[in-house]
Amino acid sequence: MKKNMGATDKLIRSIIGIIIAILYYAGIITGTLAIVLLAFAIIFLLTSFISFCPLYTLLGINTNKKI
C-alpha cells in the first residue's frame, strides 16, 4: 500500500473521528445514527493512522506531497 494521504488530510480525519467518538460517549448521538457515525469514525481514524485511503485509490486522489 502506497501512502496517499497528506498531513492535513490525516489531521482533519483524526479530528472528525475524535469528535464523533466524544459525541457518542457523551450521549449526544444515539441509535442507528450513532452506530453509523461510529463506523465512519473508526474508518477515519484507521485510515489516518495508516496514511492510506482505499477510496482515494479508486478515485485517483493523492494528497501526499512526498511523491
Protein backbone atom coordinates (compact mmCIF):
# COMPACT_ATOMS: atom_id res chain seq x y z
CA MET A 1 0.00 0.00 0.00
CA LYS A 2 1.39 3.34 -1.03
CA LYS A 3 0.62 6.22 1.27
CA ASN A 4 -1.89 8.50 -0.40
CA MET A 5 -2.86 10.86 2.43
CA GLY A 6 -1.14 14.09 3.38
CA ALA A 7 -0.70 15.53 6.86
CA THR A 8 -3.64 17.94 6.61
CA ASP A 9 -5.95 15.17 5.42
CA LYS A 10 -4.85 12.93 8.29
CA LEU A 11 -5.38 15.71 10.82
CA ILE A 12 -8.89 16.51 9.59
CA ARG A 13 -9.90 12.83 9.62
CA SER A 14 -8.50 12.36 13.12
CA ILE A 15 -10.34 15.40 14.48
CA ILE A 16 -13.63 14.28 12.91
CA GLY A 17 -13.21 10.77 14.31
CA ILE A 18 -12.44 12.04 17.81
CA ILE A 19 -15.39 14.47 17.76
CA ILE A 20 -17.79 11.70 16.73
CA ALA A 21 -16.45 9.44 19.49
CA ILE A 22 -16.88 12.20 22.09
CA LEU A 23 -20.44 12.90 20.91
CA TYR A 24 -21.28 9.21 21.21
CA TYR A 25 -19.80 8.71 24.66
CA ALA A 26 -21.45 11.93 25.91
CA GLY A 27 -24.80 10.54 24.79
CA ILE A 28 -25.47 13.33 22.32
CA ILE A 29 -25.87 10.93 19.39
CA THR A 30 -27.73 7.66 19.88
CA GLY A 31 -29.43 4.88 18.00
CA THR A 32 -28.76 3.94 14.41
CA LEU A 33 -27.17 7.31 13.63
CA ALA A 34 -24.64 6.75 16.40
CA ILE A 35 -23.69 3.32 15.06
CA VAL A 36 -23.25 4.62 11.51
CA LEU A 37 -21.21 7.62 12.68
CA LEU A 38 -19.04 5.41 14.91
CA ALA A 39 -18.30 3.19 11.91
CA PHE A 40 -17.21 6.28 9.97
CA ALA A 41 -15.13 7.47 12.94
CA ILE A 42 -13.32 4.13 13.15
CA ILE A 43 -12.65 4.18 9.42
CA PHE A 44 -11.41 7.78 9.57
CA LEU A 45 -9.08 7.04 12.48
CA LEU A 46 -7.77 3.83 10.94
CA THR A 47 -7.09 5.36 7.54
CA SER A 48 -5.42 8.40 9.09
CA PHE A 49 -3.22 6.13 11.21
CA ILE A 50 -2.01 4.09 8.22
CA SER A 51 -1.99 7.08 5.80
CA PHE A 52 -3.87 5.11 3.17
CA CYS A 53 -7.43 5.50 1.91
CA PRO A 54 -8.73 2.78 -0.43
CA LEU A 55 -11.40 5.13 -1.76
CA TYR A 56 -8.69 7.60 -2.82
CA THR A 57 -7.07 4.82 -4.83
CA LEU A 58 -10.32 4.09 -6.66
CA LEU A 59 -10.89 7.79 -7.39
CA GLY A 60 -7.25 8.52 -8.28
CA ILE A 61 -6.79 11.05 -5.48
CA ASN A 62 -3.47 11.56 -3.73
CA THR A 63 -2.96 14.25 -1.06
CA ASN A 64 0.53 13.04 -0.10
CA LYS A 65 3.13 15.61 -1.17
CA LYS A 66 6.08 13.20 -0.82
CA ILE A 67 5.55 11.55 -4.20
